[in-house]
Amino acid sequence: MFLIYGLLALDPVATIKLWLTVLAIQMFGGLLAFMMERENPLPLLWMPLQQLAYRQLMYGVLIKSLGTALAGARLKWQKLKRVGDFGGPRRP
């Protein structure tokens, strides 16, 4: 949201530079973590999309949760009904 605000209301070039700087710092931290775990860093290519889409979705969930909590609404635990079994060996 701040990216859009910066592009529309502030200097777009400075906004893009700052966003890319933050993204580069996050990519560096992610790359370091992947290297320490000896994992393939290919999933880091999704990080810009995560910044633009997934994070906004999570902010929406957070705002909705805060609204529900402030309104005092009680939510029940959702529990799955068990049906059948997975076909494994039974214990006596």
PDB file of N, CA and C in Angstrom:
ATOM      1  N   MET A   1       0.819  -1.178   0.000  1.00  0.00           N
ATOM      2  CA  MET A   1       0.000   0.000   0.000  1.00  0.00           C
ATOM      3  C   MET A   1       0.871   1.252   0.000  1.00  0.00           C
ATOM      4  N   PHE A   2       1.943   1.207   0.772  1.00  0.00           N
ATOM      5  CA  PHE A   2       2.841   2.361   0.779  1.00  0.00           C
ATOM      6  C   PHE A   2       3.546   2.514  -0.564  1.00  0.00           C
ATOM      7  N   LEU A   3       3.784   1.394  -1.234  1.00  0.00           N
ATOM      8  CA  LEU A   3       4.398   1.465  -2.563  1.00  0.00           C
ATOM      9  C   LEU A   3       3.481   2.218  -3.516  1.00  0.00           C
ATOM     10  N   ILE A   4       2.211   1.891  -3.516  1.00  0.00           N
ATOM     11  CA  ILE A   4       1.259   2.574  -4.394  1.00  0.00           C
ATOM     12  C   ILE A   4       1.142   4.043  -4.016  1.00  0.00           C
ATOM     13  N   TYR A   5       1.064   4.325  -2.714  1.00  0.00           N
ATOM     14  CA  TYR A   5       0.998   5.718  -2.264  1.00  0.00           C
ATOM     15  C   TYR A   5       2.241   6.487  -2.714  1.00  0.00           C
ATOM     16  N   GLY A   6       3.393   5.879  -2.556  1.00  0.00           N
ATOM     17  CA  GLY A   6       4.633   6.540  -2.956  1.00  0.00           C
ATOM     18  C   GLY A   6       4.696   6.783  -4.455  1.00  0.00           C
ATOM     19  N   LEU A   7       4.192   5.827  -5.228  1.00  0.00           N
ATOM     20  CA  LEU A   7       4.192   5.995  -6.685  1.00  0.00           C
ATOM     21  C   LEU A   7       3.241   7.098  -7.126  1.00  0.00           C
ATOM     22  N   LEU A   8       2.104   7.231  -6.442  1.00  0.00           N
ATOM     23  CA  LEU A   8       1.091   8.197  -6.860  1.00  0.00           C
ATOM     24  C   LEU A   8       1.282   9.580  -6.249  1.00  0.00           C
ATOM     25  N   ALA A   9       1.673   9.640  -4.978  1.00  0.00           N
ATOM     26  CA  ALA A   9       1.699  10.924  -4.275  1.00  0.00           C
ATOM     27  C   ALA A   9       3.108  11.484  -4.055  1.00  0.00           C
ATOM     28  N   LEU A  10       4.106  10.644  -4.105  1.00  0.00           N
ATOM     29  CA  LEU A  10       5.475  11.096  -3.863  1.00  0.00           C
ATOM     30  C   LEU A  10       6.300  10.942  -5.137  1.00  0.00           C
ATOM     31  N   ASP A  11       7.597  10.972  -4.984  1.00  0.00           N
ATOM     32  CA  ASP A  11       8.495  10.813  -6.130  1.00  0.00           C
ATOM     33  C   ASP A  11       8.549   9.337  -6.528  1.00  0.00           C
ATOM     34  N   PRO A  12       8.039   8.981  -7.706  1.00  0.00           N
ATOM     35  CA  PRO A  12       8.008   7.565  -8.099  1.00  0.00           C
ATOM     36  C   PRO A  12       9.394   6.928  -8.217  1.00  0.00           C
ATOM     37  N   VAL A  13      10.364   7.684  -8.694  1.00  0.00           N
ATOM     38  CA  VAL A  13      11.713   7.128  -8.866  1.00  0.00           C
ATOM     39  C   VAL A  13      12.318   6.799  -7.505  1.00  0.00           C
ATOM     40  N   ALA A  14      12.200   7.716  -6.560  1.00  0.00           N
ATOM     41  CA  ALA A  14      12.727   7.473  -5.212  1.00  0.00           C
ATOM     42  C   ALA A  14      11.988   6.320  -4.543  1.00  0.00           C
ATOM     43  N   THR A  15      10.682   6.237  -4.763  1.00  0.00           N
ATOM     44  CA  THR A  15       9.898   5.160  -4.175  1.00  0.00           C
ATOM     45  C   THR A  15      10.357   3.810  -4.706  1.00  0.00           C
ATOM     46  N   ILE A  16      10.555   3.701  -6.010  1.00  0.00           N
ATOM     47  CA  ILE A  16      11.023   2.440  -6.604  1.00  0.00           C
ATOM     48  C   ILE A  16      12.411   2.090  -6.091  1.00  0.00           C
ATOM     49  N   LYS A  17      13.287   3.078  -5.986  1.00  0.00           N
ATOM     50  CA  LYS A  17      14.644   2.825  -5.472  1.00  0.00           C
ATOM     51  C   LYS A  17      14.589   2.292  -4.044  1.00  0.00           C
ATOM     52  N   LEU A  18      13.766   2.905  -3.205  1.00  0.00           N
ATOM     53  CA  LEU A  18      13.661   2.443  -1.822  1.00  0.00           C
ATOM     54  C   LEU A  18      13.054   1.047  -1.744  1.00  0.00           C
ATOM     55  N   TRP A  19      12.014   0.781  -2.561  1.00  0.00           N
ATOM     56  CA  TRP A  19      11.389  -0.535  -2.546  1.00  0.00           C
ATOM     57  C   TRP A  19      12.381  -1.597  -2.998  1.00  0.00           C
ATOM     58  N   LEU A  20      13.148  -1.290  -4.049  1.00  0.00           N
ATOM     59  CA  LEU A  20      14.149  -2.249  -4.526  1.00  0.00           C
ATOM     60  C   LEU A  20      15.260  -2.463  -3.504  1.00  0.00           C
ATOM     61  N   THR A  21      15.611  -1.414  -2.756  1.00  0.00           N
ATOM     62  CA  THR A  21      16.623  -1.547  -1.711  1.00  0.00           C
ATOM     63  C   THR A  21      16.129  -2.474  -0.606  1.00  0.00           C
ATOM     64  N   VAL A  22      14.898  -2.272  -0.156  1.00  0.00           N
ATOM     65  CA  VAL A  22      14.322  -3.153   0.874  1.00  0.00           C
ATOM     66  C   VAL A  22      14.234  -4.584   0.344  1.00  0.00           C
ATOM     67  N   LEU A  23      13.800  -4.738  -0.904  1.00  0.00           N
ATOM     68  CA  LEU A  23      13.708  -6.064  -1.500  1.00  0.00           C
ATOM     69  C   LEU A  23      15.088  -6.717  -1.579  1.00  0.00           C
ATOM     70  N   ALA A  24      16.115  -5.960  -1.932  1.00  0.00           N
ATOM     71  CA  ALA A  24      17.475  -6.506  -2.012  1.00  0.00           C
ATOM     72  C   ALA A  24      17.961  -6.960  -0.636  1.00  0.00           C
ATOM     73  N   ILE A  25      17.654  -6.193   0.399  1.00  0.00           N
ATOM     74  CA  ILE A  25      18.052  -6.583   1.756  1.00  0.00           C
ATOM     75  C   ILE A  25      17.342  -7.874   2.157  1.00  0.00           C
ATOM     76  N   GLN A  26      16.062  -7.972   1.848  1.00  0.00           N
ATOM     77  CA  GLN A  26      15.323  -9.193   2.164  1.00  0.00           C
ATOM     78  C   GLN A  26      15.830 -10.380   1.350  1.00  0.00           C
ATOM     79  N   MET A  27      16.158 -10.146   0.099  1.00  0.00           N
ATOM     80  CA  MET A  27      16.691 -11.226  -0.740  1.00  0.00           C
ATOM     81  C   MET A  27      18.041 -11.697  -0.201  1.00  0.00           C
ATOM     82  N   PHE A  28      18.860 -10.760   0.245  1.00  0.00           N
ATOM     83  CA  PHE A  28      20.160 -11.128   0.812  1.00  0.00           C
ATOM     84  C   PHE A  28      19.970 -11.989   2.061  1.00  0.00           C
ATOM     85  N   GLY A  29      19.058 -11.579   2.944  1.00  0.00           N
ATOM     86  CA  GLY A  29      18.779 -12.371   4.145  1.00  0.00           C
ATOM     87  C   GLY A  29      18.236 -13.750   3.794  1.00  0.00           C
ATOM     88  N   GLY A  30      17.343 -13.804   2.814  1.00  0.00           N
ATOM     89  CA  GLY A  30      16.811 -15.085   2.370  1.00  0.00           C
ATOM     90  C   GLY A  30      17.875 -15.968   1.754  1.00  0.00           C
ATOM     91  N   LEU A  31      18.716 -15.368   0.927  1.00  0.00           N
ATOM     92  CA  LEU A  31      19.804 -16.124   0.299  1.00  0.00           C
ATOM     93  C   LEU A  31      20.760 -16.669   1.352  1.00  0.00           C
ATOM     94  N   LEU A  32      21.066 -15.862   2.342  1.00  0.00           N
ATOM     95  CA  LEU A  32      21.940 -16.309   3.425  1.00  0.00           C
ATOM     96  C   LEU A  32      21.314 -17.497   4.161  1.00  0.00           C
ATOM     97  N   ALA A  33      20.009 -17.414   4.444  1.00  0.00           N
ATOM     98  CA  ALA A  33      19.325 -18.513   5.129  1.00  0.00           C
ATOM     99  C   ALA A  33      19.326 -19.780   4.277  1.00  0.00           C
ATOM    100  N   PHE A  34      19.059 -19.625   2.968  1.00  0.00           N
ATOM    101  CA  PHE A  34      19.058 -20.793   2.089  1.00  0.00           C
ATOM    102  C   PHE A  34      20.457 -21.417   2.012  1.00  0.00           C
ATOM    103  N   MET A  35      21.476 -20.581   1.975  1.00  0.00           N
ATOM    104  CA  MET A  35      22.846 -21.103   1.913  1.00  0.00           C
ATOM    105  C   MET A  35      23.205 -21.840   3.205  1.00  0.00           C
ATOM    106  N   MET A  36      22.782 -21.292   4.345  1.00  0.00           N
ATOM    107  CA  MET A  36      23.093 -21.940   5.626  1.00  0.00           C
ATOM    108  C   MET A  36      22.408 -23.302   5.738  1.00  0.00           C
ATOM    109  N   GLU A  37      21.239 -23.434   5.139  1.00  0.00           N
ATOM    110  CA  GLU A  37      20.513 -24.697   5.173  1.00  0.00           C
ATOM    111  C   GLU A  37      20.856 -25.598   3.982  1.00  0.00           C
ATOM    112  N   ARG A  38      21.728 -25.117   3.116  1.00  0.00           N
ATOM    113  CA  ARG A  38      22.135 -25.842   1.910  1.00  0.00           C
ATOM    114  C   ARG A  38      20.926 -26.220   1.048  1.00  0.00           C
ATOM    115  N   GLU A  39      20.041 -25.245   0.862  1.00  0.00           N
ATOM    116  CA  GLU A  39      18.837 -25.438   0.053  1.00  0.00           C
ATOM    117  C   GLU A  39      18.991 -24.710  -1.282  1.00  0.00           C
ATOM    118  N   ASN A  40      18.188 -25.112  -2.242  1.00  0.00           N
ATOM    119  CA  ASN A  40      18.166 -24.465  -3.536  1.00  0.00           C
ATOM    120  C   ASN A  40      17.510 -23.082  -3.391  1.00  0.00           C
ATOM    121  N   PRO A  41      18.205 -21.993  -3.746  1.00  0.00           N
ATOM    122  CA  PRO A  41      17.643 -20.651  -3.562  1.00  0.00           C
ATOM    123  C   PRO A  41      16.643 -20.237  -4.639  1.00  0.00           C
ATOM    124  N   LEU A  42      16.268 -21.129  -5.533  1.00  0.00           N
ATOM    125  CA  LEU A  42      15.341 -20.793  -6.609  1.00  0.00           C
ATOM    126  C   LEU A  42      14.002 -20.213  -6.113  1.00  0.00           C
ATOM    127  N   PRO A  43      13.431 -20.696  -5.000  1.00  0.00           N
ATOM    128  CA  PRO A  43      12.165 -20.113  -4.526  1.00  0.00           C
ATOM    129  C   PRO A  43      12.252 -18.628  -4.176  1.00  0.00           C
ATOM    130  N   LEU A  44      13.454 -18.112  -3.985  1.00  0.00           N
ATOM    131  CA  LEU A  44      13.595 -16.680  -3.683  1.00  0.00           C
ATOM    132  C   LEU A  44      13.141 -15.796  -4.850  1.00  0.00           C
ATOM    133  N   LEU A  45      13.043 -16.371  -6.030  1.00  0.00           N
ATOM    134  CA  LEU A  45      12.570 -15.587  -7.177  1.00  0.00           C
ATOM    135  C   LEU A  45      11.118 -15.155  -6.999  1.00  0.00           C
ATOM    136  N   TRP A  46      10.379 -15.815  -6.107  1.00  0.00           N
ATOM    137  CA  TRP A  46       8.988 -15.466  -5.848  1.00  0.00           C
ATOM    138  C   TRP A  46       8.847 -14.314  -4.852  1.00  0.00           C
ATOM    139  N   MET A  47       9.948 -13.879  -4.246  1.00  0.00           N
ATOM    140  CA  MET A  47       9.859 -12.872  -3.194  1.00  0.00           C
ATOM    141  C   MET A  47       9.217 -11.552  -3.646  1.00  0.00           C
ATOM    142  N   PRO A  48       9.499 -11.032  -4.841  1.00  0.00           N
ATOM    143  CA  PRO A  48       8.807  -9.790  -5.234  1.00  0.00           C
ATOM    144  C   PRO A  48       7.289  -9.964  -5.302  1.00  0.00           C
ATOM    145  N   LEU A  49       6.834 -11.108  -5.790  1.00  0.00           N
ATOM    146  CA  LEU A  49       5.394 -11.364  -5.830  1.00  0.00           C
ATOM    147  C   LEU A  49       4.837 -11.477  -4.417  1.00  0.00           C
ATOM    148  N   GLN A  50       5.606 -12.080  -3.527  1.00  0.00           N
ATOM    149  CA  GLN A  50       5.177 -12.201  -2.133  1.00  0.00           C
ATOM    150  C   GLN A  50       5.019 -10.820  -1.518  1.00  0.00           C
ATOM    151  N   GLN A  51       5.914  -9.918  -1.845  1.00  0.00           N
ATOM    152  CA  GLN A  51       5.841  -8.563  -1.301  1.00  0.00           C
ATOM    153  C   GLN A  51       4.622  -7.817  -1.826  1.00  0.00           C
ATOM    154  N   LEU A  52       4.275  -8.052  -3.070  1.00  0.00           N
ATOM    155  CA  LEU A  52       3.175  -7.304  -3.688  1.00  0.00           C
ATOM    156  C   LEU A  52       1.804  -7.921  -3.430  1.00  0.00           C
ATOM    157  N   ALA A  53       1.705  -9.226  -3.350  1.00  0.00           N
ATOM    158  CA  ALA A  53       0.390  -9.866  -3.265  1.00  0.00           C
ATOM    159  C   ALA A  53       0.134 -10.521  -1.908  1.00  0.00           C
ATOM    160  N   TYR A  54       0.960 -11.463  -1.540  1.00  0.00           N
ATOM    161  CA  TYR A  54       0.693 -12.251  -0.337  1.00  0.00           C
ATOM    162  C   TYR A  54       0.688 -11.389   0.919  1.00  0.00           C
ATOM    163  N   ARG A  55       1.617 -10.471   1.010  1.00  0.00           N
ATOM    164  CA  ARG A  55       1.690  -9.628   2.203  1.00  0.00           C
ATOM    165  C   ARG A  55       0.437  -8.775   2.343  1.00  0.00           C
ATOM    166  N   GLN A  56      -0.098  -8.288   1.228  1.00  0.00           N
ATOM    167  CA  GLN A  56      -1.331  -7.492   1.287  1.00  0.00           C
ATOM    168  C   GLN A  56      -2.493  -8.344   1.765  1.00  0.00           C
ATOM    169  N   LEU A  57      -2.526  -9.599   1.310  1.00  0.00           N
ATOM    170  CA  LEU A  57      -3.559 -10.521   1.764  1.00  0.00           C
ATOM    171  C   LEU A  57      -3.457 -10.735   3.269  1.00  0.00           C
ATOM    172  N   MET A  58      -2.243 -10.899   3.772  1.00  0.00           N
ATOM    173  CA  MET A  58      -2.051 -11.103   5.204  1.00  0.00           C
ATOM    174  C   MET A  58      -2.436  -9.859   6.003  1.00  0.00           C
ATOM    175  N   TYR A  59      -2.188  -8.674   5.457  1.00  0.00           N
ATOM    176  CA  TYR A  59      -2.624  -7.449   6.132  1.00  0.00           C
ATOM    177  C   TYR A  59      -4.146  -7.408   6.205  1.00  0.00           C
ATOM    178  N   GLY A  60      -4.828  -7.836   5.165  1.00  0.00           N
ATOM    179  CA  GLY A  60      -6.284  -7.894   5.178  1.00  0.00           C
ATOM    180  C   GLY A  60      -6.799  -8.841   6.253  1.00  0.00           C
ATOM    181  N   VAL A  61      -6.165 -10.006   6.380  1.00  0.00           N
ATOM    182  CA  VAL A  61      -6.555 -10.970   7.410  1.00  0.00           C
ATOM    183  C   VAL A  61      -6.315 -10.374   8.798  1.00  0.00           C
ATOM    184  N   LEU A  62      -5.195  -9.680   8.968  1.00  0.00           N
ATOM    185  CA  LEU A  62      -4.879  -9.064  10.252  1.00  0.00           C
ATOM    186  C   LEU A  62      -5.905  -7.992  10.614  1.00  0.00           C
ATOM    187  N   ILE A  63      -6.260  -7.158   9.658  1.00  0.00           N
ATOM    188  CA  ILE A  63      -7.234  -6.090   9.920  1.00  0.00           C
ATOM    189  C   ILE A  63      -8.598  -6.695  10.265  1.00  0.00           C
ATOM    190  N   LYS A  64      -9.003  -7.723   9.545  1.00  0.00           N
ATOM    191  CA  LYS A  64     -10.281  -8.379   9.837  1.00  0.00           C
ATOM    192  C   LYS A  64     -10.255  -9.020  11.221  1.00  0.00           C
ATOM    193  N   SER A  65      -9.155  -9.654  11.585  1.00  0.00           N
ATOM    194  CA  SER A  65      -9.025 -10.278  12.897  1.00  0.00           C
ATOM    195  C   SER A  65      -9.075  -9.240  14.010  1.00  0.00           C
ATOM    196  N   LEU A  66      -8.389  -8.132  13.812  1.00  0.00           N
ATOM    197  CA  LEU A  66      -8.430  -7.063  14.812  1.00  0.00           C
ATOM    198  C   LEU A  66      -9.835  -6.505  14.964  1.00  0.00           C
ATOM    199  N   GLY A  67     -10.530  -6.317  13.846  1.00  0.00           N
ATOM    200  CA  GLY A  67     -11.914  -5.836  13.905  1.00  0.00           C
ATOM    201  C   GLY A  67     -12.813  -6.792  14.661  1.00  0.00           C
ATOM    202  N   THR A  68     -12.647  -8.081  14.425  1.00  0.00           N
ATOM    203  CA  THR A  68     -13.437  -9.096  15.125  1.00  0.00           C
ATOM    204  C   THR A  68     -13.121  -9.080  16.618  1.00  0.00           C
ATOM    205  N   ALA A  69     -11.841  -8.963  16.952  1.00  0.00           N
ATOM    206  CA  ALA A  69     -11.447  -8.948  18.364  1.00  0.00           C
ATOM    207  C   ALA A  69     -11.960  -7.690  19.064  1.00  0.00           C
ATOM    208  N   LEU A  70     -11.848  -6.540  18.413  1.00  0.00           N
ATOM    209  CA  LEU A  70     -12.312  -5.294  19.029  1.00  0.00           C
ATOM    210  C   LEU A  70     -13.827  -5.254  19.176  1.00  0.00           C
ATOM    211  N   ALA A  71     -14.532  -5.930  18.269  1.00  0.00           N
ATOM    212  CA  ALA A  71     -15.993  -5.983  18.351  1.00  0.00           C
ATOM    213  C   ALA A  71     -16.453  -6.945  19.450  1.00  0.00           C
ATOM    214  N   GLY A  72     -15.543  -7.761  19.949  1.00  0.00           N
ATOM    215  CA  GLY A  72     -15.875  -8.689  21.017  1.00  0.00           C
ATOM    216  C   GLY A  72     -16.557  -9.952  20.544  1.00  0.00           C
ATOM    217  N   ALA A  73     -16.520 -10.206  19.254  1.00  0.00           N
ATOM    218  CA  ALA A  73     -17.157 -11.411  18.724  1.00  0.00           C
ATOM    219  C   ALA A  73     -16.352 -12.639  19.130  1.00  0.00           C
ATOM    220  N   ARG A  74     -17.057 -13.652  19.545  1.00  0.00           N
ATOM    221  CA  ARG A  74     -16.398 -14.909  19.916  1.00  0.00           C
ATOM    222  C   ARG A  74     -16.476 -15.869  18.741  1.00  0.00           C
ATOM    223  N   LEU A  75     -15.361 -16.489  18.464  1.00  0.00           N
ATOM    224  CA  LEU A  75     -15.307 -17.474  17.385  1.00  0.00           C
ATOM    225  C   LEU A  75     -15.129 -18.851  17.994  1.00  0.00           C
ATOM    226  N   LYS A  76     -15.863 -19.812  17.484  1.00  0.00           N
ATOM    227  CA  LYS A  76     -15.731 -21.178  17.965  1.00  0.00           C
ATOM    228  C   LYS A  76     -14.574 -21.850  17.236  1.00  0.00           C
ATOM    229  N   TRP A  77     -13.994 -22.842  17.907  1.00  0.00           N
ATOM    230  CA  TRP A  77     -12.951 -23.626  17.268  1.00  0.00           C
ATOM    231  C   TRP A  77     -13.588 -24.452  16.164  1.00  0.00           C
ATOM    232  N   GLN A  78     -12.966 -24.443  15.025  1.00  0.00           N
ATOM    233  CA  GLN A  78     -13.429 -25.275  13.923  1.00  0.00           C
ATOM    234  C   GLN A  78     -12.762 -26.634  14.049  1.00  0.00           C
ATOM    235  N   LYS A  79     -13.552 -27.681  14.011  1.00  0.00           N
ATOM    236  CA  LYS A  79     -13.006 -29.013  14.207  1.00  0.00           C
ATOM    237  C   LYS A  79     -13.522 -29.910  13.095  1.00  0.00           C
ATOM    238  N   LEU A  80     -12.626 -30.654  12.495  1.00  0.00           N
ATOM    239  CA  LEU A  80     -13.016 -31.574  11.439  1.00  0.00           C
ATOM    240  C   LEU A  80     -13.644 -32.824  12.027  1.00  0.00           C
ATOM    241  N   LYS A  81     -14.688 -33.294  11.387  1.00  0.00           N
ATOM    242  CA  LYS A  81     -15.318 -34.536  11.806  1.00  0.00           C
ATOM    243  C   LYS A  81     -14.491 -35.697  11.257  1.00  0.00           C
ATOM    244  N   ARG A  82     -14.181 -36.644  12.108  1.00  0.00           N
ATOM    245  CA  ARG A  82     -13.381 -37.789  11.687  1.00  0.00           C
ATOM    246  C   ARG A  82     -14.273 -38.817  11.020  1.00  0.00           C
ATOM    247  N   VAL A  83     -13.833 -39.268   9.872  1.00  0.00           N
ATOM    248  CA  VAL A  83     -14.582 -40.302   9.161  1.00  0.00           C
ATOM    249  C   VAL A  83     -13.596 -41.354   8.655  1.00  0.00           C
ATOM    250  N   GLY A  84     -13.829 -42.603   9.020  1.00  0.00           N
ATOM    251  CA  GLY A  84     -12.999 -43.687   8.513  1.00  0.00           C
ATOM    252  C   GLY A  84     -11.584 -43.668   9.065  1.00  0.00           C
ATOM    253  N   ASP A  85     -10.726 -44.399   8.384  1.00  0.00           N
ATOM    254  CA  ASP A  85      -9.323 -44.447   8.771  1.00  0.00           C
ATOM    255  C   ASP A  85      -8.480 -44.513   7.497  1.00  0.00           C
ATOM    256  N   PHE A  86      -7.213 -44.511   7.653  1.00  0.00           N
ATOM    257  CA  PHE A  86      -6.332 -44.474   6.484  1.00  0.00           C
ATOM    258  C   PHE A  86      -5.913 -45.850   6.013  1.00  0.00           C
ATOM    259  N   GLY A  87      -6.420 -46.902   6.638  1.00  0.00           N
ATOM    260  CA  GLY A  87      -6.146 -48.253   6.181  1.00  0.00           C
ATOM    261  C   GLY A  87      -4.872 -48.856   6.739  1.00  0.00           C
ATOM    262  N   GLY A  88      -4.285 -48.237   7.739  1.00  0.00           N
ATOM    263  CA  GLY A  88      -3.082 -48.775   8.332  1.00  0.00           C
ATOM    264  C   GLY A  88      -3.387 -49.908   9.307  1.00  0.00           C
ATOM    265  N   PRO A  89      -2.348 -50.554   9.811  1.00  0.00           N
ATOM    266  CA  PRO A  89      -2.566 -51.650  10.756  1.00  0.00           C
ATOM    267  C   PRO A  89      -3.183 -51.114  12.045  1.00  0.00           C
ATOM    268  N   ARG A  90      -4.059 -51.916  12.635  1.00  0.00           N
ATOM    269  CA  ARG A  90      -4.729 -51.508  13.875  1.00  0.00           C
ATOM    270  C   ARG A  90      -3.922 -51.996  15.073  1.00  0.00           C
ATOM    271  N   ARG A  91      -3.927 -51.182  16.094  1.00  0.00           N
ATOM    272  CA  ARG A  91      -3.249 -51.568  17.343  1.00  0.00           C
ATOM    273  C   ARG A  91      -4.252 -52.225  18.275  1.00  0.00           C
ATOM    274  N   PRO A  92      -3.768 -53.217  19.007  1.00  0.00           N
ATOM    275  CA  PRO A  92      -4.687 -53.881  19.967  1.00  0.00           C
ATOM    276  C   PRO A  92      -5.028 -53.013  21.148  1.00  0.00           C
TER     277      PRO A  92
END
